[in-house]
N, C-alpha and C. Protein backbone atom coordinates (compact mmCIF):
# COMPACT_ATOMS: atom_id res chain seq x y z
N MET A 1 40.27 31.97 2.56
CA MET A 1 39.57 32.43 3.73
C MET A 1 38.69 33.64 3.40
N LYS A 2 39.19 34.57 2.54
CA LYS A 2 38.41 35.74 2.16
C LYS A 2 37.14 35.31 1.43
N ARG A 3 37.27 34.30 0.60
CA ARG A 3 36.13 33.79 -0.15
C ARG A 3 35.04 33.30 0.81
N MET A 4 35.43 32.65 1.87
CA MET A 4 34.46 32.15 2.85
C MET A 4 33.72 33.30 3.52
N PHE A 5 34.41 34.37 3.86
CA PHE A 5 33.75 35.52 4.48
C PHE A 5 32.80 36.22 3.52
N ARG A 6 33.09 36.16 2.23
CA ARG A 6 32.19 36.75 1.24
C ARG A 6 30.91 35.93 1.11
N LEU A 7 30.99 34.64 1.38
CA LEU A 7 29.82 33.77 1.28
C LEU A 7 28.92 33.87 2.51
N LEU A 8 29.43 34.33 3.62
CA LEU A 8 28.62 34.41 4.84
C LEU A 8 27.35 35.24 4.68
N PRO A 9 27.38 36.44 4.12
CA PRO A 9 26.13 37.19 3.94
C PRO A 9 25.12 36.43 3.06
N PHE A 10 25.60 35.77 2.03
CA PHE A 10 24.71 35.00 1.15
C PHE A 10 24.06 33.85 1.93
N LEU A 11 24.87 33.15 2.73
CA LEU A 11 24.33 32.04 3.52
C LEU A 11 23.32 32.54 4.56
N PHE A 12 23.60 33.68 5.17
CA PHE A 12 22.67 34.26 6.14
C PHE A 12 21.32 34.56 5.48
N VAL A 13 21.33 35.18 4.32
CA VAL A 13 20.09 35.50 3.59
C VAL A 13 19.36 34.22 3.22
N LEU A 14 20.07 33.21 2.75
CA LEU A 14 19.45 31.95 2.36
C LEU A 14 18.76 31.28 3.55
N VAL A 15 19.43 31.24 4.70
CA VAL A 15 18.85 30.62 5.89
C VAL A 15 17.63 31.41 6.36
N THR A 16 17.70 32.74 6.35
CA THR A 16 16.59 33.59 6.77
C THR A 16 15.38 33.41 5.88
N VAL A 17 15.57 33.40 4.57
CA VAL A 17 14.46 33.23 3.62
C VAL A 17 13.83 31.85 3.79
N THR A 18 14.64 30.82 3.97
CA THR A 18 14.11 29.47 4.14
C THR A 18 13.29 29.37 5.42
N ALA A 19 13.78 29.95 6.50
CA ALA A 19 13.04 29.91 7.78
C ALA A 19 11.72 30.65 7.66
N CYS A 20 11.71 31.81 7.01
CA CYS A 20 10.46 32.58 6.84
C CYS A 20 9.47 31.84 5.97
N ALA A 21 9.95 31.18 4.93
CA ALA A 21 9.05 30.45 4.04
C ALA A 21 8.37 29.31 4.78
N GLN A 22 9.07 28.66 5.70
CA GLN A 22 8.48 27.56 6.45
C GLN A 22 7.42 28.07 7.42
N ASP A 23 7.57 29.28 7.95
CA ASP A 23 6.57 29.85 8.85
C ASP A 23 5.24 30.06 8.14
N ASN A 24 5.27 30.31 6.83
CA ASN A 24 4.04 30.57 6.08
C ASN A 24 3.26 29.30 5.76
N LYS A 25 3.84 28.14 5.99
CA LYS A 25 3.16 26.88 5.70
C LYS A 25 2.59 26.32 6.99
N LYS A 26 1.55 26.93 7.48
CA LYS A 26 0.92 26.50 8.72
C LYS A 26 0.13 25.22 8.46
N PRO A 27 0.10 24.31 9.42
CA PRO A 27 -0.68 23.08 9.25
C PRO A 27 -2.17 23.35 9.08
N SER A 28 -2.67 24.41 9.72
CA SER A 28 -4.08 24.79 9.62
C SER A 28 -4.14 26.27 9.25
N PRO A 29 -3.99 26.58 7.96
CA PRO A 29 -3.90 27.99 7.55
C PRO A 29 -5.22 28.74 7.74
N PRO A 30 -5.13 30.07 7.88
CA PRO A 30 -6.34 30.88 8.00
C PRO A 30 -7.16 30.82 6.72
N ALA A 31 -8.47 30.85 6.89
CA ALA A 31 -9.39 30.84 5.74
C ALA A 31 -10.62 31.65 6.13
N SER A 32 -11.40 32.03 5.13
CA SER A 32 -12.62 32.78 5.41
C SER A 32 -13.61 32.62 4.26
N THR A 33 -14.84 32.91 4.56
CA THR A 33 -15.88 32.97 3.54
C THR A 33 -16.79 34.15 3.88
N GLU A 34 -17.33 34.76 2.85
CA GLU A 34 -18.25 35.87 3.02
C GLU A 34 -19.40 35.67 2.05
N PHE A 35 -20.62 35.92 2.53
CA PHE A 35 -21.80 35.73 1.69
C PHE A 35 -22.94 36.60 2.19
N LYS A 36 -23.99 36.71 1.39
CA LYS A 36 -25.17 37.53 1.73
C LYS A 36 -26.34 36.62 2.06
N SER A 37 -27.11 37.05 3.05
CA SER A 37 -28.39 36.44 3.36
C SER A 37 -29.36 37.59 3.53
N GLY A 38 -30.23 37.80 2.55
CA GLY A 38 -31.08 38.98 2.55
C GLY A 38 -30.20 40.21 2.51
N ALA A 39 -30.43 41.16 3.42
CA ALA A 39 -29.63 42.39 3.47
C ALA A 39 -28.35 42.20 4.29
N ALA A 40 -28.20 41.07 4.97
CA ALA A 40 -27.05 40.85 5.86
C ALA A 40 -25.84 40.33 5.09
N THR A 41 -24.69 40.87 5.44
CA THR A 41 -23.41 40.33 4.97
C THR A 41 -22.84 39.52 6.12
N ILE A 42 -22.48 38.28 5.83
CA ILE A 42 -21.98 37.36 6.85
C ILE A 42 -20.56 36.96 6.49
N LYS A 43 -19.69 36.98 7.51
CA LYS A 43 -18.29 36.59 7.34
C LYS A 43 -17.96 35.51 8.37
N ILE A 44 -17.32 34.45 7.90
CA ILE A 44 -16.85 33.39 8.79
C ILE A 44 -15.34 33.31 8.61
N ASN A 45 -14.59 33.48 9.70
CA ASN A 45 -13.14 33.38 9.69
C ASN A 45 -12.73 32.19 10.56
N TYR A 46 -11.82 31.36 10.04
CA TYR A 46 -11.44 30.14 10.73
C TYR A 46 -10.05 29.71 10.30
N SER A 47 -9.48 28.76 11.00
CA SER A 47 -8.27 28.09 10.58
C SER A 47 -8.69 26.72 10.09
N ALA A 48 -8.17 26.31 8.93
CA ALA A 48 -8.66 25.13 8.23
C ALA A 48 -7.73 23.92 8.39
N PRO A 49 -8.04 23.03 9.33
CA PRO A 49 -7.24 21.81 9.47
C PRO A 49 -7.53 20.82 8.35
N SER A 50 -6.60 19.90 8.16
CA SER A 50 -6.75 18.82 7.17
C SER A 50 -6.98 17.49 7.87
N VAL A 51 -7.58 16.56 7.17
CA VAL A 51 -7.84 15.23 7.72
C VAL A 51 -6.53 14.48 7.96
N LYS A 52 -5.65 14.46 6.98
CA LYS A 52 -4.33 13.81 7.08
C LYS A 52 -4.43 12.35 7.53
N GLY A 53 -5.44 11.63 7.06
CA GLY A 53 -5.59 10.22 7.38
C GLY A 53 -6.10 9.94 8.79
N ARG A 54 -6.46 10.97 9.52
CA ARG A 54 -6.92 10.78 10.90
C ARG A 54 -8.42 10.50 10.94
N GLU A 55 -8.86 9.84 12.01
CA GLU A 55 -10.29 9.66 12.26
C GLU A 55 -10.77 10.93 12.95
N ILE A 56 -11.68 11.66 12.31
CA ILE A 56 -12.06 12.99 12.80
C ILE A 56 -13.17 12.92 13.85
N TRP A 57 -14.35 12.50 13.45
CA TRP A 57 -15.54 12.61 14.30
C TRP A 57 -15.56 11.52 15.37
N GLY A 58 -15.63 11.97 16.60
CA GLY A 58 -15.63 11.05 17.73
C GLY A 58 -14.23 10.73 18.23
N LYS A 59 -13.21 11.10 17.49
CA LYS A 59 -11.81 10.84 17.89
C LYS A 59 -11.05 12.16 18.02
N LEU A 60 -10.55 12.71 16.87
CA LEU A 60 -9.85 13.99 16.92
C LEU A 60 -10.77 15.07 17.46
N VAL A 61 -12.00 15.08 16.98
CA VAL A 61 -13.04 15.99 17.49
C VAL A 61 -14.03 15.13 18.27
N PRO A 62 -13.92 15.12 19.60
CA PRO A 62 -14.78 14.23 20.40
C PRO A 62 -16.25 14.63 20.35
N TYR A 63 -17.11 13.65 20.44
CA TYR A 63 -18.53 13.91 20.56
C TYR A 63 -18.83 14.43 21.97
N GLY A 64 -19.82 15.32 22.06
CA GLY A 64 -20.28 15.78 23.36
C GLY A 64 -19.43 16.85 24.03
N GLU A 65 -18.40 17.36 23.33
CA GLU A 65 -17.55 18.40 23.90
C GLU A 65 -17.55 19.64 23.01
N VAL A 66 -17.40 20.81 23.62
CA VAL A 66 -17.35 22.06 22.87
C VAL A 66 -16.11 22.04 21.97
N TRP A 67 -16.31 22.38 20.70
CA TRP A 67 -15.23 22.41 19.71
C TRP A 67 -15.20 23.78 19.05
N ARG A 68 -14.04 24.30 18.78
CA ARG A 68 -13.86 25.63 18.19
C ARG A 68 -14.25 25.71 16.72
N ALA A 69 -14.68 24.61 16.15
CA ALA A 69 -15.16 24.55 14.75
C ALA A 69 -14.10 24.98 13.76
N GLY A 70 -12.89 24.57 14.01
CA GLY A 70 -11.73 24.87 13.19
C GLY A 70 -10.50 24.53 14.00
N ALA A 71 -9.40 25.27 13.76
CA ALA A 71 -8.17 25.07 14.52
C ALA A 71 -7.69 26.42 15.04
N ASN A 72 -6.70 26.37 15.91
CA ASN A 72 -6.08 27.59 16.45
C ASN A 72 -7.09 28.46 17.19
N GLU A 73 -7.21 29.75 16.80
CA GLU A 73 -8.18 30.63 17.46
C GLU A 73 -9.59 30.10 17.20
N ALA A 74 -10.51 30.54 18.04
CA ALA A 74 -11.92 30.16 17.81
C ALA A 74 -12.37 30.73 16.47
N THR A 75 -13.19 29.97 15.77
CA THR A 75 -13.82 30.45 14.54
C THR A 75 -14.70 31.64 14.90
N THR A 76 -14.75 32.65 14.01
CA THR A 76 -15.64 33.77 14.26
C THR A 76 -16.72 33.84 13.19
N PHE A 77 -17.88 34.29 13.60
CA PHE A 77 -19.06 34.46 12.75
C PHE A 77 -19.51 35.89 12.95
N GLU A 78 -19.59 36.65 11.87
CA GLU A 78 -19.95 38.06 11.97
C GLU A 78 -21.08 38.38 10.99
N THR A 79 -22.09 39.07 11.49
CA THR A 79 -23.19 39.53 10.66
C THR A 79 -23.41 41.02 10.91
N ASP A 80 -23.61 41.77 9.83
CA ASP A 80 -23.80 43.21 10.00
C ASP A 80 -25.26 43.60 10.22
N LYS A 81 -26.16 42.63 10.15
CA LYS A 81 -27.59 42.86 10.41
C LYS A 81 -28.11 41.69 11.26
N ASP A 82 -29.20 41.92 11.97
CA ASP A 82 -29.85 40.82 12.68
C ASP A 82 -30.27 39.76 11.67
N ILE A 83 -30.09 38.49 12.03
CA ILE A 83 -30.53 37.38 11.17
C ILE A 83 -31.27 36.36 12.03
N LYS A 84 -31.94 35.45 11.37
CA LYS A 84 -32.56 34.30 12.05
C LYS A 84 -31.68 33.09 11.78
N VAL A 85 -31.38 32.35 12.83
CA VAL A 85 -30.60 31.11 12.73
C VAL A 85 -31.50 30.00 13.23
N GLU A 86 -31.86 29.09 12.33
CA GLU A 86 -32.79 28.02 12.69
C GLU A 86 -34.04 28.60 13.35
N GLY A 87 -34.50 29.76 12.84
CA GLY A 87 -35.73 30.40 13.31
C GLY A 87 -35.58 31.28 14.53
N LYS A 88 -34.37 31.36 15.12
CA LYS A 88 -34.13 32.18 16.31
C LYS A 88 -33.28 33.39 15.94
N THR A 89 -33.55 34.54 16.58
CA THR A 89 -32.85 35.78 16.24
C THR A 89 -31.43 35.81 16.79
N LEU A 90 -30.49 36.15 15.89
CA LEU A 90 -29.11 36.43 16.26
C LEU A 90 -28.86 37.90 15.94
N PRO A 91 -28.62 38.74 16.96
CA PRO A 91 -28.38 40.16 16.70
C PRO A 91 -27.10 40.38 15.89
N ALA A 92 -27.06 41.49 15.16
CA ALA A 92 -25.85 41.86 14.42
C ALA A 92 -24.68 41.88 15.39
N GLY A 93 -23.52 41.41 14.94
CA GLY A 93 -22.33 41.42 15.79
C GLY A 93 -21.33 40.38 15.35
N LYS A 94 -20.24 40.32 16.10
CA LYS A 94 -19.18 39.34 15.84
C LYS A 94 -19.14 38.38 17.02
N TYR A 95 -19.15 37.09 16.71
CA TYR A 95 -19.25 36.04 17.73
C TYR A 95 -18.18 34.98 17.53
N ALA A 96 -17.78 34.34 18.63
CA ALA A 96 -17.04 33.09 18.51
C ALA A 96 -18.07 32.04 18.13
N PHE A 97 -17.69 31.18 17.20
CA PHE A 97 -18.60 30.14 16.72
C PHE A 97 -18.07 28.80 17.20
N PHE A 98 -18.86 28.13 18.03
CA PHE A 98 -18.50 26.82 18.55
C PHE A 98 -19.58 25.81 18.18
N THR A 99 -19.23 24.54 18.30
CA THR A 99 -20.21 23.48 18.13
C THR A 99 -20.00 22.44 19.23
N ILE A 100 -21.02 21.65 19.46
CA ILE A 100 -20.88 20.44 20.26
C ILE A 100 -21.32 19.31 19.33
N PRO A 101 -20.35 18.64 18.70
CA PRO A 101 -20.70 17.57 17.76
C PRO A 101 -21.31 16.36 18.46
N GLY A 102 -22.23 15.72 17.77
CA GLY A 102 -22.81 14.47 18.21
C GLY A 102 -23.02 13.59 17.00
N GLU A 103 -23.20 12.31 17.21
CA GLU A 103 -23.41 11.40 16.08
C GLU A 103 -24.69 11.73 15.33
N LYS A 104 -25.75 12.10 16.05
CA LYS A 104 -27.05 12.34 15.42
C LYS A 104 -27.51 13.79 15.48
N GLU A 105 -26.88 14.60 16.33
CA GLU A 105 -27.30 16.00 16.50
C GLU A 105 -26.11 16.85 16.93
N TRP A 106 -26.05 18.07 16.41
CA TRP A 106 -25.00 19.02 16.79
C TRP A 106 -25.63 20.24 17.43
N THR A 107 -24.99 20.77 18.46
CA THR A 107 -25.38 22.05 19.02
C THR A 107 -24.49 23.11 18.38
N ILE A 108 -25.13 24.15 17.85
CA ILE A 108 -24.43 25.26 17.21
C ILE A 108 -24.47 26.42 18.21
N ILE A 109 -23.30 27.03 18.47
CA ILE A 109 -23.19 28.04 19.53
C ILE A 109 -22.60 29.33 18.98
N PHE A 110 -23.24 30.44 19.30
CA PHE A 110 -22.73 31.78 19.01
C PHE A 110 -22.43 32.41 20.36
N ASN A 111 -21.15 32.71 20.61
CA ASN A 111 -20.70 33.17 21.91
C ASN A 111 -20.19 34.60 21.80
N LYS A 112 -20.56 35.46 22.76
CA LYS A 112 -20.25 36.89 22.64
C LYS A 112 -18.77 37.22 22.76
N THR A 113 -17.94 36.31 23.25
CA THR A 113 -16.50 36.56 23.36
C THR A 113 -15.83 36.07 22.08
N ALA A 114 -15.79 36.96 21.08
CA ALA A 114 -15.31 36.57 19.75
C ALA A 114 -13.84 36.21 19.73
N LYS A 115 -13.02 36.89 20.47
CA LYS A 115 -11.57 36.65 20.41
C LYS A 115 -11.17 35.71 21.54
N GLN A 116 -10.91 34.45 21.20
CA GLN A 116 -10.48 33.44 22.16
C GLN A 116 -9.56 32.46 21.44
N TRP A 117 -8.68 31.84 22.19
CA TRP A 117 -7.85 30.78 21.62
C TRP A 117 -8.58 29.46 21.84
N GLY A 118 -8.92 28.80 20.74
CA GLY A 118 -9.61 27.53 20.85
C GLY A 118 -10.88 27.64 21.65
N ALA A 119 -11.16 26.61 22.45
CA ALA A 119 -12.34 26.62 23.32
C ALA A 119 -11.90 26.55 24.78
N TYR A 120 -10.64 26.88 25.03
CA TYR A 120 -10.09 26.72 26.38
C TYR A 120 -10.70 27.68 27.39
N SER A 121 -11.07 28.88 26.97
CA SER A 121 -11.67 29.83 27.90
C SER A 121 -13.16 30.02 27.64
N TYR A 122 -13.75 29.11 26.87
CA TYR A 122 -15.18 29.16 26.55
C TYR A 122 -16.00 29.15 27.84
N LYS A 123 -17.01 30.04 27.89
CA LYS A 123 -17.94 30.09 29.01
C LYS A 123 -19.37 30.05 28.46
N GLN A 124 -20.11 29.05 28.86
CA GLN A 124 -21.49 28.92 28.40
C GLN A 124 -22.31 30.15 28.76
N ALA A 125 -21.99 30.81 29.85
CA ALA A 125 -22.73 32.00 30.28
C ALA A 125 -22.64 33.12 29.24
N ASP A 126 -21.62 33.08 28.37
CA ASP A 126 -21.45 34.09 27.33
C ASP A 126 -22.14 33.73 26.01
N ASP A 127 -22.86 32.62 25.98
CA ASP A 127 -23.57 32.23 24.76
C ASP A 127 -24.71 33.20 24.50
N VAL A 128 -24.80 33.65 23.26
CA VAL A 128 -25.88 34.54 22.83
C VAL A 128 -27.00 33.70 22.23
N LEU A 129 -26.63 32.62 21.54
CA LEU A 129 -27.63 31.76 20.89
C LEU A 129 -27.09 30.35 20.76
N ARG A 130 -27.98 29.38 20.99
CA ARG A 130 -27.70 27.96 20.75
C ARG A 130 -28.86 27.39 19.96
N VAL A 131 -28.54 26.61 18.94
CA VAL A 131 -29.55 25.89 18.17
C VAL A 131 -29.02 24.48 17.92
N THR A 132 -29.91 23.57 17.55
CA THR A 132 -29.47 22.21 17.22
C THR A 132 -29.80 21.91 15.76
N VAL A 133 -28.92 21.14 15.14
CA VAL A 133 -29.08 20.72 13.75
C VAL A 133 -28.64 19.27 13.63
N LYS A 134 -28.99 18.66 12.52
CA LYS A 134 -28.61 17.28 12.27
C LYS A 134 -27.50 17.24 11.22
N PRO A 135 -26.41 16.51 11.50
CA PRO A 135 -25.35 16.37 10.50
C PRO A 135 -25.79 15.40 9.40
N ALA A 136 -25.13 15.48 8.25
CA ALA A 136 -25.45 14.58 7.13
C ALA A 136 -24.16 14.25 6.39
N ALA A 137 -24.20 13.19 5.62
CA ALA A 137 -23.06 12.86 4.77
C ALA A 137 -22.92 13.96 3.72
N SER A 138 -21.70 14.39 3.45
CA SER A 138 -21.48 15.42 2.43
C SER A 138 -21.48 14.76 1.04
N ALA A 139 -21.72 15.58 0.03
CA ALA A 139 -21.76 15.08 -1.35
C ALA A 139 -20.41 14.52 -1.78
N SER A 140 -19.33 15.07 -1.22
CA SER A 140 -17.99 14.57 -1.52
C SER A 140 -17.12 14.73 -0.28
N ALA A 141 -16.01 14.00 -0.26
CA ALA A 141 -15.07 14.10 0.86
C ALA A 141 -14.33 15.44 0.79
N ASN A 142 -14.05 16.02 1.94
CA ASN A 142 -13.32 17.28 2.02
C ASN A 142 -12.09 17.06 2.90
N GLU A 143 -10.92 17.04 2.29
CA GLU A 143 -9.67 16.87 3.04
C GLU A 143 -9.46 18.04 4.00
N VAL A 144 -9.78 19.24 3.54
CA VAL A 144 -9.57 20.45 4.34
C VAL A 144 -10.93 21.00 4.78
N LEU A 145 -11.04 21.35 6.06
CA LEU A 145 -12.28 21.93 6.58
C LEU A 145 -12.61 23.21 5.81
N LYS A 146 -13.88 23.38 5.48
CA LYS A 146 -14.30 24.62 4.83
C LYS A 146 -15.72 24.96 5.25
N TYR A 147 -16.04 26.24 5.07
CA TYR A 147 -17.38 26.76 5.29
C TYR A 147 -17.88 27.30 3.96
N GLU A 148 -19.16 27.07 3.68
CA GLU A 148 -19.81 27.62 2.49
C GLU A 148 -21.11 28.27 2.93
N GLY A 149 -21.48 29.36 2.26
CA GLY A 149 -22.71 30.04 2.62
C GLY A 149 -23.56 30.35 1.41
N THR A 150 -24.87 30.36 1.62
CA THR A 150 -25.84 30.76 0.60
C THR A 150 -26.80 31.74 1.26
N LYS A 151 -27.79 32.21 0.52
CA LYS A 151 -28.74 33.16 1.11
C LYS A 151 -29.60 32.51 2.20
N SER A 152 -29.69 31.18 2.20
CA SER A 152 -30.58 30.53 3.16
C SER A 152 -29.89 29.58 4.15
N SER A 153 -28.55 29.45 4.05
CA SER A 153 -27.86 28.55 4.98
C SER A 153 -26.35 28.75 4.90
N PHE A 154 -25.68 28.19 5.88
CA PHE A 154 -24.23 28.03 5.78
C PHE A 154 -23.91 26.61 6.25
N SER A 155 -22.80 26.08 5.74
CA SER A 155 -22.42 24.71 6.06
C SER A 155 -20.97 24.61 6.47
N LEU A 156 -20.71 23.76 7.44
CA LEU A 156 -19.37 23.32 7.79
C LEU A 156 -19.19 22.00 7.06
N LEU A 157 -18.13 21.88 6.28
CA LEU A 157 -17.85 20.65 5.52
C LEU A 157 -16.44 20.17 5.84
N TRP A 158 -16.34 18.94 6.32
CA TRP A 158 -15.02 18.38 6.60
C TRP A 158 -15.14 16.87 6.62
N GLU A 159 -14.11 16.23 6.07
CA GLU A 159 -14.07 14.78 5.96
C GLU A 159 -15.26 14.36 5.10
N LYS A 160 -16.14 13.54 5.58
CA LYS A 160 -17.30 13.12 4.78
C LYS A 160 -18.60 13.63 5.40
N LEU A 161 -18.52 14.76 6.11
CA LEU A 161 -19.66 15.27 6.86
C LEU A 161 -20.00 16.70 6.46
N GLU A 162 -21.30 16.99 6.46
CA GLU A 162 -21.79 18.36 6.27
C GLU A 162 -22.72 18.69 7.42
N VAL A 163 -22.50 19.86 8.01
CA VAL A 163 -23.38 20.36 9.06
C VAL A 163 -23.97 21.66 8.52
N LYS A 164 -25.25 21.60 8.12
CA LYS A 164 -25.92 22.75 7.51
C LYS A 164 -26.81 23.45 8.54
N VAL A 165 -26.70 24.80 8.56
CA VAL A 165 -27.45 25.62 9.49
C VAL A 165 -28.30 26.59 8.66
N LYS A 166 -29.63 26.57 8.89
CA LYS A 166 -30.54 27.47 8.15
C LYS A 166 -30.44 28.88 8.71
N ILE A 167 -30.44 29.86 7.79
CA ILE A 167 -30.43 31.28 8.18
C ILE A 167 -31.40 32.07 7.30
N GLU A 168 -31.84 33.20 7.84
CA GLU A 168 -32.67 34.16 7.10
C GLU A 168 -32.13 35.54 7.42
N GLY A 169 -31.83 36.31 6.34
CA GLY A 169 -31.30 37.66 6.54
C GLY A 169 -32.39 38.69 6.56
């Protein structure tokens, strides 16, 4: 019986460590990218879902509806200087980044309420800028959603799709 009581602290530690380790394996873990466009530093923070054999476009992510462009909290887009997005001015600041996916055209949205859960409290009246772009097939399949940036554009890449947005810093 004494031996069993000596094992209890060990078992407690083992169960606690196992439970904590499982919390760190989120289905859509946080991710970010940072890049320069001219003098501007741009940061995109998002949660990165995986395809997991699901049909993404038009099913998991419906066409014609506002999407948080990631998982969990709304994706954020931050620029420390004014930039041009598809030829239109986006003032320096931190924004919630949303999209409205379509088969042939996507609406790209920068919303002034940066901290939101998903798109549940999204208000179009808070949009600072909207532009439209055309999606294209990506060079390779991407199991996990990711964003990439260059001096002249940033792209959302997921599944077999790339949505490229032109920028000027």
